[in-house]
N, C-alpha and C. Protein backbone atom coordinates (compact mmCIF):
# COMPACT_ATOMS: atom_id res chain seq x y z
N MET A 1 -12.62 -6.41 -4.41
CA MET A 1 -11.83 -6.55 -3.18
C MET A 1 -10.42 -6.68 -3.42
N LEU A 2 -10.06 -7.39 -4.51
CA LEU A 2 -8.63 -7.57 -4.76
C LEU A 2 -7.93 -6.33 -5.14
N GLU A 3 -8.68 -5.49 -6.02
CA GLU A 3 -8.13 -4.13 -6.35
C GLU A 3 -8.03 -3.19 -5.22
N THR A 4 -9.04 -3.24 -4.34
CA THR A 4 -9.05 -2.41 -3.21
C THR A 4 -7.92 -2.83 -2.22
N ALA A 5 -7.72 -4.07 -2.00
CA ALA A 5 -6.68 -4.68 -1.11
C ALA A 5 -5.28 -4.16 -1.70
N ALA A 6 -5.10 -4.28 -3.02
CA ALA A 6 -3.79 -3.96 -3.52
C ALA A 6 -3.60 -2.42 -3.50
N LEU A 7 -4.70 -1.68 -3.60
CA LEU A 7 -4.59 -0.20 -3.47
C LEU A 7 -4.24 0.19 -2.09
N ALA A 8 -4.90 -0.41 -1.13
CA ALA A 8 -4.68 -0.13 0.33
C ALA A 8 -3.21 -0.48 0.68
N ALA A 9 -2.85 -1.72 0.26
CA ALA A 9 -1.52 -2.21 0.60
C ALA A 9 -0.44 -1.37 -0.04
N GLY A 10 -0.70 -0.94 -1.37
CA GLY A 10 0.34 -0.15 -1.98
C GLY A 10 0.53 1.22 -1.33
N LEU A 11 -0.59 1.82 -1.02
CA LEU A 11 -0.47 3.07 -0.28
C LEU A 11 0.21 2.98 1.10
N SER A 12 -0.19 1.92 1.81
CA SER A 12 0.40 1.82 3.10
C SER A 12 1.82 1.47 3.11
N TRP A 13 2.26 0.53 2.27
CA TRP A 13 3.64 0.19 2.21
C TRP A 13 4.53 1.36 1.68
N THR A 14 4.09 2.06 0.70
CA THR A 14 4.87 3.22 0.22
C THR A 14 4.92 4.32 1.25
N SER A 15 3.76 4.40 2.03
CA SER A 15 3.75 5.38 3.04
C SER A 15 4.91 5.27 4.10
N GLY A 16 5.38 4.12 4.29
CA GLY A 16 6.42 3.88 5.19
C GLY A 16 7.78 4.47 4.77
N PHE A 17 7.91 4.84 3.49
CA PHE A 17 9.26 5.52 3.07
C PHE A 17 8.99 6.66 2.06
N ARG A 18 7.85 6.81 1.48
CA ARG A 18 7.54 7.84 0.63
C ARG A 18 6.07 8.27 0.69
N LEU A 19 5.63 8.68 1.81
CA LEU A 19 4.24 8.97 2.11
C LEU A 19 3.70 10.03 1.21
N TYR A 20 4.43 11.11 1.00
CA TYR A 20 3.85 12.21 0.28
C TYR A 20 3.83 11.94 -1.25
N LEU A 21 4.69 11.19 -1.68
CA LEU A 21 4.72 10.78 -3.17
C LEU A 21 3.47 9.85 -3.34
N ALA A 22 3.19 8.90 -2.36
CA ALA A 22 1.96 8.09 -2.47
C ALA A 22 0.68 8.90 -2.54
N VAL A 23 0.59 9.89 -1.71
CA VAL A 23 -0.67 10.70 -1.66
C VAL A 23 -0.80 11.49 -2.91
N PHE A 24 0.36 12.05 -3.43
CA PHE A 24 0.27 12.91 -4.58
C PHE A 24 -0.12 12.07 -5.78
N THR A 25 0.59 10.83 -5.97
CA THR A 25 0.34 9.97 -7.09
C THR A 25 -1.10 9.58 -7.21
N ALA A 26 -1.66 9.03 -6.01
CA ALA A 26 -3.02 8.59 -6.00
C ALA A 26 -3.98 9.77 -6.41
N GLY A 27 -3.78 10.89 -5.77
CA GLY A 27 -4.62 12.03 -5.97
C GLY A 27 -4.51 12.56 -7.42
N ALA A 28 -3.31 12.64 -7.90
CA ALA A 28 -3.20 13.21 -9.35
C ALA A 28 -3.84 12.23 -10.35
N LEU A 29 -3.59 10.96 -10.26
CA LEU A 29 -4.17 9.97 -11.12
C LEU A 29 -5.69 9.93 -11.00
N GLY A 30 -6.20 10.01 -9.77
CA GLY A 30 -7.63 10.02 -9.51
C GLY A 30 -8.17 11.28 -10.21
N ARG A 31 -7.60 12.40 -10.00
CA ARG A 31 -8.09 13.68 -10.60
C ARG A 31 -8.09 13.64 -12.05
N LEU A 32 -7.15 12.92 -12.70
CA LEU A 32 -7.04 12.84 -14.16
C LEU A 32 -7.97 11.80 -14.68
N GLY A 33 -8.60 11.09 -13.90
CA GLY A 33 -9.51 10.02 -14.35
C GLY A 33 -8.78 8.67 -14.73
N LEU A 34 -7.62 8.58 -14.37
CA LEU A 34 -6.80 7.41 -14.77
C LEU A 34 -6.87 6.39 -13.63
N LEU A 35 -7.39 6.66 -12.48
CA LEU A 35 -7.52 5.77 -11.33
C LEU A 35 -8.76 6.04 -10.58
N HIS A 36 -9.49 4.92 -10.31
CA HIS A 36 -10.78 5.09 -9.60
C HIS A 36 -10.50 4.89 -8.10
N LEU A 37 -10.62 5.83 -7.27
CA LEU A 37 -10.34 5.81 -5.86
C LEU A 37 -11.70 5.47 -5.21
N PRO A 38 -11.64 4.68 -4.06
CA PRO A 38 -12.83 4.42 -3.35
C PRO A 38 -13.33 5.78 -2.65
N PRO A 39 -14.48 5.80 -2.26
CA PRO A 39 -15.08 7.03 -1.66
C PRO A 39 -14.26 7.57 -0.60
N GLY A 40 -13.72 6.78 0.30
CA GLY A 40 -12.99 7.25 1.42
C GLY A 40 -11.63 7.88 1.06
N LEU A 41 -11.17 7.68 -0.19
CA LEU A 41 -9.85 8.21 -0.64
C LEU A 41 -10.17 9.33 -1.68
N GLN A 42 -11.38 9.65 -2.01
CA GLN A 42 -11.43 10.59 -3.02
C GLN A 42 -11.20 12.14 -2.63
N VAL A 43 -10.94 12.22 -1.30
CA VAL A 43 -10.49 13.61 -0.90
C VAL A 43 -9.12 13.88 -1.37
N LEU A 44 -8.38 12.75 -1.64
CA LEU A 44 -7.03 12.97 -2.35
C LEU A 44 -7.07 13.64 -3.63
N GLU A 45 -8.15 13.64 -4.37
CA GLU A 45 -8.24 14.19 -5.65
C GLU A 45 -8.45 15.76 -5.64
N SER A 46 -8.62 16.27 -4.51
CA SER A 46 -8.84 17.73 -4.44
C SER A 46 -7.54 18.55 -4.79
N TRP A 47 -7.71 19.62 -5.39
CA TRP A 47 -6.48 20.38 -5.91
C TRP A 47 -5.62 20.73 -4.78
N TRP A 48 -6.16 21.13 -3.56
CA TRP A 48 -5.27 21.64 -2.46
C TRP A 48 -4.61 20.47 -1.98
N MET A 49 -5.17 19.29 -1.94
CA MET A 49 -4.52 18.12 -1.35
C MET A 49 -3.37 17.68 -2.33
N ILE A 50 -3.64 17.74 -3.62
CA ILE A 50 -2.59 17.43 -4.57
C ILE A 50 -1.43 18.39 -4.53
N ALA A 51 -1.67 19.63 -4.39
CA ALA A 51 -0.66 20.68 -4.36
C ALA A 51 0.11 20.52 -3.03
N LEU A 52 -0.51 20.28 -1.88
CA LEU A 52 0.20 20.12 -0.58
C LEU A 52 1.08 18.87 -0.72
N ALA A 53 0.47 17.78 -1.21
CA ALA A 53 1.30 16.54 -1.34
C ALA A 53 2.47 16.71 -2.20
N ALA A 54 2.33 17.42 -3.32
CA ALA A 54 3.42 17.74 -4.20
C ALA A 54 4.54 18.47 -3.55
N LEU A 55 4.16 19.46 -2.87
CA LEU A 55 5.11 20.36 -2.16
C LEU A 55 5.93 19.54 -1.09
N LEU A 56 5.22 18.75 -0.34
CA LEU A 56 5.82 17.90 0.70
C LEU A 56 6.66 16.80 0.05
N ALA A 57 6.29 16.21 -1.05
CA ALA A 57 7.03 15.22 -1.73
C ALA A 57 8.20 15.78 -2.24
N LEU A 58 8.24 17.07 -2.82
CA LEU A 58 9.55 17.68 -3.24
C LEU A 58 10.48 17.92 -2.06
N ALA A 59 9.90 18.38 -0.97
CA ALA A 59 10.78 18.65 0.33
C ALA A 59 11.42 17.30 0.75
N GLU A 60 10.63 16.22 0.72
CA GLU A 60 11.20 14.95 1.17
C GLU A 60 12.15 14.47 0.24
N PHE A 61 11.98 14.69 -1.04
CA PHE A 61 12.98 14.24 -2.09
C PHE A 61 14.34 14.91 -1.84
N VAL A 62 14.34 16.17 -1.44
CA VAL A 62 15.55 16.88 -1.19
C VAL A 62 16.18 16.49 0.10
N ALA A 63 15.33 16.47 1.21
CA ALA A 63 15.74 16.08 2.50
C ALA A 63 16.38 14.68 2.49
N ASP A 64 15.81 13.84 1.80
CA ASP A 64 16.24 12.39 1.76
C ASP A 64 17.72 12.27 1.06
N LYS A 65 18.08 13.24 0.44
CA LYS A 65 19.43 13.16 -0.25
C LYS A 65 20.56 13.70 0.52
N VAL A 66 20.25 14.28 1.70
CA VAL A 66 21.29 14.83 2.57
C VAL A 66 21.67 13.94 3.65
N PRO A 67 22.94 13.37 3.57
CA PRO A 67 23.37 12.39 4.62
C PRO A 67 23.28 13.05 6.00
N GLY A 68 22.73 12.27 6.91
CA GLY A 68 22.62 12.76 8.30
C GLY A 68 21.24 13.36 8.45
N PHE A 69 20.90 14.23 7.69
CA PHE A 69 19.62 14.94 7.86
C PHE A 69 18.45 14.00 7.51
N ASP A 70 18.76 13.03 6.66
CA ASP A 70 17.76 12.06 6.25
C ASP A 70 17.31 11.15 7.39
N SER A 71 18.27 10.88 8.26
CA SER A 71 17.91 10.10 9.46
C SER A 71 17.11 10.92 10.48
N PHE A 72 17.45 12.22 10.53
CA PHE A 72 16.67 13.18 11.43
C PHE A 72 15.27 13.26 10.89
N TRP A 73 15.18 13.33 9.51
CA TRP A 73 13.82 13.40 8.88
C TRP A 73 13.03 12.08 9.18
N ASP A 74 13.72 11.00 9.02
CA ASP A 74 13.02 9.72 9.27
C ASP A 74 12.55 9.58 10.76
N GLY A 75 13.32 10.21 11.63
CA GLY A 75 12.85 10.20 13.03
C GLY A 75 11.62 10.96 13.27
N ILE A 76 11.48 12.09 12.57
CA ILE A 76 10.28 12.91 12.75
C ILE A 76 9.17 12.15 12.04
N GLN A 77 9.42 11.54 10.88
CA GLN A 77 8.38 10.84 10.10
C GLN A 77 7.85 9.62 10.76
N THR A 78 8.53 9.11 11.76
CA THR A 78 8.08 7.83 12.43
C THR A 78 6.62 8.17 12.96
N PHE A 79 6.37 9.35 13.35
CA PHE A 79 5.11 9.78 13.96
C PHE A 79 4.05 10.13 12.96
N ILE A 80 4.47 10.14 11.66
CA ILE A 80 3.54 10.51 10.62
C ILE A 80 3.22 9.36 9.65
N ARG A 81 4.37 8.67 9.20
CA ARG A 81 4.22 7.64 8.21
C ARG A 81 3.35 6.52 8.61
N ILE A 82 3.54 5.95 9.84
CA ILE A 82 2.87 4.82 10.26
C ILE A 82 1.33 5.13 10.52
N PRO A 83 0.96 6.19 11.24
CA PRO A 83 -0.47 6.42 11.27
C PRO A 83 -1.06 6.80 9.92
N ALA A 84 -0.37 7.44 9.08
CA ALA A 84 -0.93 7.83 7.76
C ALA A 84 -1.17 6.47 6.97
N GLY A 85 -0.14 5.48 7.05
CA GLY A 85 -0.42 4.22 6.40
C GLY A 85 -1.68 3.49 6.86
N ALA A 86 -1.95 3.54 8.21
CA ALA A 86 -3.12 2.96 8.71
C ALA A 86 -4.33 3.71 8.26
N ILE A 87 -4.34 5.02 8.27
CA ILE A 87 -5.56 5.84 7.81
C ILE A 87 -5.81 5.59 6.35
N LEU A 88 -4.79 5.61 5.49
CA LEU A 88 -5.11 5.40 4.05
C LEU A 88 -5.69 3.98 3.82
N ALA A 89 -5.12 2.96 4.46
CA ALA A 89 -5.69 1.61 4.30
C ALA A 89 -7.13 1.45 4.79
N ALA A 90 -7.41 2.14 5.94
CA ALA A 90 -8.79 2.15 6.44
C ALA A 90 -9.71 2.88 5.54
N ALA A 91 -9.29 4.03 5.12
CA ALA A 91 -10.11 4.80 4.10
C ALA A 91 -10.39 4.07 2.88
N ALA A 92 -9.50 3.34 2.42
CA ALA A 92 -9.75 2.48 1.18
C ALA A 92 -10.89 1.47 1.29
N PHE A 93 -11.05 1.00 2.52
CA PHE A 93 -12.20 0.09 2.88
C PHE A 93 -13.27 0.75 3.57
N GLY A 94 -13.32 2.12 3.60
CA GLY A 94 -14.34 2.88 4.34
C GLY A 94 -15.72 2.56 3.98
N GLN A 95 -16.07 1.98 2.73
CA GLN A 95 -17.43 1.73 2.37
C GLN A 95 -17.97 0.43 2.80
N LEU A 96 -17.00 -0.34 3.39
CA LEU A 96 -17.35 -1.73 3.84
C LEU A 96 -17.72 -1.78 5.32
N ASP A 97 -17.95 -3.01 5.86
CA ASP A 97 -18.31 -3.14 7.27
C ASP A 97 -17.15 -2.63 8.14
N PRO A 98 -17.55 -2.14 9.33
CA PRO A 98 -16.40 -1.61 10.20
C PRO A 98 -15.38 -2.61 10.56
N GLN A 99 -15.65 -3.91 10.57
CA GLN A 99 -14.73 -4.90 10.86
C GLN A 99 -13.53 -4.89 9.83
N TRP A 100 -14.00 -4.76 8.52
CA TRP A 100 -12.96 -4.64 7.42
C TRP A 100 -12.15 -3.43 7.64
N VAL A 101 -12.86 -2.25 7.97
CA VAL A 101 -12.04 -1.02 8.06
C VAL A 101 -11.03 -1.12 9.20
N MET A 102 -11.42 -1.78 10.32
CA MET A 102 -10.46 -1.95 11.39
C MET A 102 -9.31 -2.85 11.03
N ALA A 103 -9.61 -3.95 10.36
CA ALA A 103 -8.63 -4.84 9.96
C ALA A 103 -7.65 -4.22 8.94
N ALA A 104 -8.22 -3.44 8.00
CA ALA A 104 -7.43 -2.77 7.04
C ALA A 104 -6.50 -1.75 7.76
N GLY A 105 -6.93 -1.01 8.75
CA GLY A 105 -6.20 0.01 9.40
C GLY A 105 -5.04 -0.70 10.04
N LEU A 106 -5.28 -1.82 10.89
CA LEU A 106 -4.20 -2.55 11.54
C LEU A 106 -3.13 -3.06 10.52
N ALA A 107 -3.67 -3.58 9.45
CA ALA A 107 -2.74 -4.22 8.45
C ALA A 107 -1.90 -2.99 7.82
N GLY A 108 -2.58 -1.92 7.53
CA GLY A 108 -1.93 -0.82 6.89
C GLY A 108 -0.86 -0.17 7.74
N GLY A 109 -1.11 -0.10 9.03
CA GLY A 109 -0.11 0.43 9.94
C GLY A 109 1.03 -0.51 10.10
N THR A 110 0.80 -1.80 10.07
CA THR A 110 1.91 -2.73 10.11
C THR A 110 2.80 -2.68 8.88
N LEU A 111 2.13 -2.59 7.65
CA LEU A 111 2.96 -2.43 6.47
C LEU A 111 3.81 -1.22 6.42
N ALA A 112 3.15 -0.11 6.89
CA ALA A 112 3.96 1.17 6.84
C ALA A 112 5.09 1.15 7.85
N GLY A 113 4.80 0.59 9.05
CA GLY A 113 5.90 0.46 10.13
C GLY A 113 6.93 -0.51 9.66
N THR A 114 6.61 -1.50 8.98
CA THR A 114 7.66 -2.39 8.44
C THR A 114 8.61 -1.75 7.48
N ALA A 115 7.98 -1.09 6.48
CA ALA A 115 8.69 -0.37 5.42
C ALA A 115 9.50 0.73 6.10
N HIS A 116 8.98 1.46 6.96
CA HIS A 116 9.64 2.59 7.61
C HIS A 116 10.84 2.14 8.44
N ALA A 117 10.67 1.03 9.13
CA ALA A 117 11.80 0.45 10.03
C ALA A 117 13.00 -0.01 9.11
N ALA A 118 12.55 -0.66 8.02
CA ALA A 118 13.63 -1.18 7.12
C ALA A 118 14.47 0.06 6.43
N LYS A 119 13.69 1.06 6.04
CA LYS A 119 14.26 2.31 5.40
C LYS A 119 15.06 3.02 6.35
N ALA A 120 14.60 3.36 7.58
CA ALA A 120 15.26 4.09 8.56
C ALA A 120 16.53 3.40 9.06
N GLY A 121 16.39 2.05 9.30
CA GLY A 121 17.51 1.38 9.81
C GLY A 121 18.74 1.31 8.78
N THR A 122 18.36 0.93 7.49
CA THR A 122 19.32 0.93 6.46
C THR A 122 20.06 2.19 6.29
N ARG A 123 19.28 3.29 6.21
CA ARG A 123 19.92 4.64 6.06
C ARG A 123 20.78 4.97 7.28
N ALA A 124 20.42 4.68 8.36
CA ALA A 124 21.22 4.98 9.57
C ALA A 124 22.57 4.32 9.55
N LEU A 125 22.63 3.13 8.92
CA LEU A 125 23.93 2.47 8.85
C LEU A 125 24.76 3.02 7.67
N ILE A 126 24.09 3.35 6.61
CA ILE A 126 24.78 3.88 5.40
C ILE A 126 25.30 5.40 5.77
N ASN A 127 24.72 6.00 6.67
CA ASN A 127 25.09 7.41 6.97
C ASN A 127 26.44 7.47 7.67
N VAL A 128 26.93 6.29 8.27
CA VAL A 128 28.21 6.50 8.95
C VAL A 128 29.40 6.58 7.94
N SER A 129 29.06 6.24 6.69
CA SER A 129 30.10 6.41 5.63
C SER A 129 30.30 7.87 5.37
N PRO A 130 31.48 8.34 5.17
CA PRO A 130 31.83 9.74 4.92
C PRO A 130 31.36 10.15 3.55
N GLU A 131 31.35 9.21 2.57
CA GLU A 131 31.02 9.68 1.18
C GLU A 131 29.53 9.70 0.99
N PRO A 132 28.97 10.57 0.18
CA PRO A 132 27.51 10.72 0.05
C PRO A 132 26.88 9.91 -1.03
N PHE A 133 27.72 9.14 -1.83
CA PHE A 133 27.23 8.44 -3.00
C PHE A 133 26.29 7.27 -2.62
N SER A 134 26.66 6.56 -1.58
CA SER A 134 25.80 5.38 -1.15
C SER A 134 24.47 5.90 -0.73
N ASN A 135 24.51 7.05 -0.04
CA ASN A 135 23.30 7.62 0.50
C ASN A 135 22.36 8.05 -0.69
N TRP A 136 23.02 8.70 -1.71
CA TRP A 136 22.23 9.15 -2.92
C TRP A 136 21.68 7.94 -3.69
N ALA A 137 22.52 6.87 -3.84
CA ALA A 137 22.08 5.64 -4.47
C ALA A 137 20.86 4.97 -3.74
N ALA A 138 20.96 4.86 -2.51
CA ALA A 138 19.88 4.36 -1.70
C ALA A 138 18.57 5.13 -1.87
N SER A 139 18.72 6.54 -1.73
CA SER A 139 17.56 7.40 -1.85
C SER A 139 16.93 7.27 -3.25
N LEU A 140 17.75 7.27 -4.31
CA LEU A 140 17.13 7.23 -5.56
C LEU A 140 16.48 5.78 -5.91
N SER A 141 17.10 4.81 -5.27
CA SER A 141 16.48 3.44 -5.38
C SER A 141 15.19 3.44 -4.76
N GLU A 142 15.01 4.10 -3.62
CA GLU A 142 13.76 4.17 -2.98
C GLU A 142 12.64 4.97 -3.81
N ASP A 143 13.20 6.02 -4.49
CA ASP A 143 12.25 6.77 -5.29
C ASP A 143 11.67 5.88 -6.41
N VAL A 144 12.59 5.14 -7.06
CA VAL A 144 12.20 4.20 -8.14
C VAL A 144 11.21 3.09 -7.60
N ALA A 145 11.55 2.50 -6.47
CA ALA A 145 10.74 1.46 -5.86
C ALA A 145 9.41 1.94 -5.53
N ALA A 146 9.36 3.16 -4.95
CA ALA A 146 8.02 3.75 -4.55
C ALA A 146 7.21 4.00 -5.84
N SER A 147 7.74 4.62 -6.81
CA SER A 147 7.01 4.86 -8.01
C SER A 147 6.54 3.56 -8.74
N GLY A 148 7.49 2.64 -8.86
CA GLY A 148 7.09 1.42 -9.45
C GLY A 148 6.05 0.54 -8.73
N GLY A 149 6.17 0.57 -7.37
CA GLY A 149 5.24 -0.15 -6.59
C GLY A 149 3.90 0.44 -6.59
N LEU A 150 3.74 1.75 -6.63
CA LEU A 150 2.48 2.40 -6.70
C LEU A 150 1.79 2.11 -8.10
N LEU A 151 2.60 2.07 -9.14
CA LEU A 151 1.93 1.85 -10.37
C LEU A 151 1.45 0.37 -10.51
N LEU A 152 2.25 -0.52 -9.93
CA LEU A 152 1.83 -1.89 -9.87
C LEU A 152 0.54 -2.10 -9.09
N ALA A 153 0.59 -1.41 -7.94
CA ALA A 153 -0.64 -1.57 -6.99
C ALA A 153 -1.87 -0.98 -7.69
N PHE A 154 -1.72 0.17 -8.42
CA PHE A 154 -2.83 0.72 -9.08
C PHE A 154 -3.41 0.03 -10.31
N PHE A 155 -2.52 -0.54 -11.06
CA PHE A 155 -2.88 -1.11 -12.41
C PHE A 155 -2.61 -2.62 -12.56
N LEU A 156 -1.72 -3.16 -11.71
CA LEU A 156 -1.55 -4.57 -11.85
C LEU A 156 -1.61 -5.14 -10.38
N PRO A 157 -2.75 -5.26 -9.78
CA PRO A 157 -2.92 -5.54 -8.40
C PRO A 157 -2.36 -6.91 -8.09
N VAL A 158 -2.63 -7.94 -8.87
CA VAL A 158 -2.09 -9.25 -8.58
C VAL A 158 -0.59 -9.28 -8.47
N ALA A 159 0.05 -8.63 -9.49
CA ALA A 159 1.54 -8.61 -9.66
C ALA A 159 2.02 -7.86 -8.33
N PHE A 160 1.44 -6.80 -8.00
CA PHE A 160 1.90 -6.07 -6.78
C PHE A 160 1.86 -6.85 -5.51
N LEU A 161 0.75 -7.66 -5.33
CA LEU A 161 0.61 -8.41 -4.13
C LEU A 161 1.64 -9.53 -4.07
N VAL A 162 1.90 -10.07 -5.14
CA VAL A 162 3.04 -11.12 -5.21
C VAL A 162 4.39 -10.39 -4.82
N VAL A 163 4.65 -9.28 -5.39
CA VAL A 163 5.87 -8.57 -5.12
C VAL A 163 6.02 -8.09 -3.59
N LEU A 164 4.81 -7.73 -3.10
CA LEU A 164 4.68 -7.29 -1.76
C LEU A 164 5.00 -8.47 -0.79
N ALA A 165 4.45 -9.61 -1.10
CA ALA A 165 4.71 -10.78 -0.33
C ALA A 165 6.26 -11.03 -0.24
N LEU A 166 6.84 -10.95 -1.32
CA LEU A 166 8.36 -11.19 -1.42
C LEU A 166 9.13 -10.18 -0.58
N LEU A 167 8.73 -8.85 -0.66
CA LEU A 167 9.27 -7.84 0.13
C LEU A 167 9.16 -8.09 1.59
N LEU A 168 7.90 -8.52 1.96
CA LEU A 168 7.75 -8.74 3.43
C LEU A 168 8.65 -9.90 3.93
N VAL A 169 8.83 -10.95 3.09
CA VAL A 169 9.82 -11.95 3.45
C VAL A 169 11.22 -11.44 3.70
N VAL A 170 11.65 -10.55 2.73
CA VAL A 170 12.93 -9.88 2.80
C VAL A 170 13.05 -9.05 4.10
N ALA A 171 11.94 -8.31 4.43
CA ALA A 171 11.95 -7.37 5.52
C ALA A 171 12.02 -8.13 6.79
N ILE A 172 11.32 -9.26 6.88
CA ILE A 172 11.44 -10.16 8.09
C ILE A 172 12.82 -10.67 8.22
N TRP A 173 13.52 -10.90 7.17
CA TRP A 173 14.89 -11.47 7.28
C TRP A 173 15.83 -10.31 7.59
N LEU A 174 15.53 -9.17 7.08
CA LEU A 174 16.47 -8.05 7.20
C LEU A 174 16.39 -7.28 8.56
N LEU A 175 15.20 -7.13 9.15
CA LEU A 175 15.04 -6.21 10.27
C LEU A 175 15.87 -6.76 11.44
N PRO A 176 15.94 -7.97 11.81
CA PRO A 176 16.79 -8.39 12.92
C PRO A 176 18.21 -8.17 12.76
N ARG A 177 18.66 -8.26 11.47
CA ARG A 177 20.10 -7.80 11.19
C ARG A 177 20.35 -6.41 11.18
N LEU A 178 19.36 -5.66 10.82
CA LEU A 178 19.62 -4.20 10.96
C LEU A 178 19.61 -3.78 12.46
N TRP A 179 18.82 -4.42 13.19
CA TRP A 179 18.77 -4.08 14.68
C TRP A 179 20.13 -4.37 15.32
N ARG A 180 20.66 -5.63 14.92
CA ARG A 180 21.92 -5.95 15.59
C ARG A 180 23.06 -5.06 15.01
N GLY A 181 23.02 -4.64 13.71
CA GLY A 181 23.94 -3.70 13.21
C GLY A 181 23.90 -2.41 13.90
N LEU A 182 22.72 -1.82 14.14
CA LEU A 182 22.66 -0.63 14.81
C LEU A 182 23.04 -0.63 16.26
N ARG A 183 22.85 -1.81 16.91
CA ARG A 183 23.35 -2.03 18.23
C ARG A 183 24.84 -2.01 18.26
N ARG A 184 25.44 -2.80 17.31
CA ARG A 184 26.88 -2.81 17.24
C ARG A 184 27.57 -1.43 16.97
N LEU A 185 26.75 -0.71 16.05
CA LEU A 185 27.25 0.65 15.72
C LEU A 185 27.21 1.59 16.88
N ARG A 186 26.14 1.47 17.70
CA ARG A 186 26.11 2.35 18.94
C ARG A 186 27.15 1.97 20.07
N GLN A 187 27.41 0.64 20.07
CA GLN A 187 28.42 0.24 21.05
C GLN A 187 29.86 0.66 20.61
N ALA A 188 30.13 0.51 19.25
CA ALA A 188 31.42 0.89 18.78
C ALA A 188 31.65 2.40 18.88
N LEU A 189 30.65 3.15 18.51
CA LEU A 189 30.79 4.58 18.68
C LEU A 189 31.01 5.01 20.09
N GLY A 190 30.38 4.26 21.04
CA GLY A 190 30.56 4.59 22.48
C GLY A 190 31.91 4.28 22.89
N ARG A 191 32.63 3.32 22.25
CA ARG A 191 33.94 3.01 22.59
C ARG A 191 34.98 3.90 21.79
N GLY A 192 34.47 4.63 20.78
CA GLY A 192 35.34 5.58 20.01
C GLY A 192 35.97 4.86 18.88
N GLU A 193 35.39 3.75 18.41
CA GLU A 193 35.94 3.09 17.27
C GLU A 193 35.50 3.71 16.02
N PRO A 194 36.31 3.55 14.93
CA PRO A 194 35.92 4.16 13.60
C PRO A 194 34.48 3.76 13.21
N ALA A 195 33.78 4.71 12.69
CA ALA A 195 32.37 4.45 12.26
C ALA A 195 32.23 3.43 11.21
N VAL A 196 33.21 3.52 10.18
CA VAL A 196 33.08 2.68 9.02
C VAL A 196 33.25 1.17 9.40
N ALA A 197 34.15 0.94 10.43
CA ALA A 197 34.26 -0.44 10.88
C ALA A 197 33.04 -0.90 11.62
N ALA A 198 32.45 0.06 12.38
CA ALA A 198 31.25 -0.25 13.25
C ALA A 198 30.04 -0.54 12.30
N ARG A 199 30.10 -0.09 11.03
CA ARG A 199 28.92 -0.15 10.21
C ARG A 199 28.68 -1.62 9.66
N ARG A 200 29.65 -2.50 9.78
CA ARG A 200 29.52 -3.84 9.27
C ARG A 200 28.36 -4.59 9.97
N LEU A 201 27.57 -5.18 9.26
CA LEU A 201 26.42 -5.93 9.77
C LEU A 201 26.98 -7.25 10.25
N PRO A 202 26.29 -7.81 11.36
CA PRO A 202 26.66 -9.21 11.80
C PRO A 202 26.29 -10.23 10.77
N ARG A 203 27.03 -11.28 10.75
CA ARG A 203 26.83 -12.36 9.75
C ARG A 203 25.62 -13.21 10.15
N ARG A 204 25.27 -13.20 11.37
CA ARG A 204 24.18 -14.08 11.83
C ARG A 204 23.09 -13.26 12.48
């Protein structure tokens, strides 16, 4: 149960900002025999699923490095990442009682939604800067975090769950500040103020 919970949580959380990388990594490791996937997730091991996930992961890797377009991409992915996180979590518990499947789906959607909101809000604020380097640094940091988090979830489940709990605390603290920052940004842009000045987050 602990390993399944970590697997479901890892896939759901990562789906919030790197969905296709999560699907590709789980499928490829399962196909190579390095990871045992529950029956509900074994479809990820098929070659066509691995190839499709790899292609989409590459497309997302490129799209996420383009300032401005990354926020457009995040907007579209809002309708994909969160349901996918719920589906992956539910599928991980698919062999158990329906109540566990339902609970896993709800938790997975919540984790994916939290990660997506934190990623999209942060990148929207970063994108008001005219230079691309902060955007690239944020995107590469997300790539590293997604890869490391998946490996922890797959092979060190206890360590991953501890890290995830800390990340959730940070997200709960961060999301209201991101919301206020985005609201200030919208108001400042509506008044025609410089975008860089509008990007500053509120102190409280």
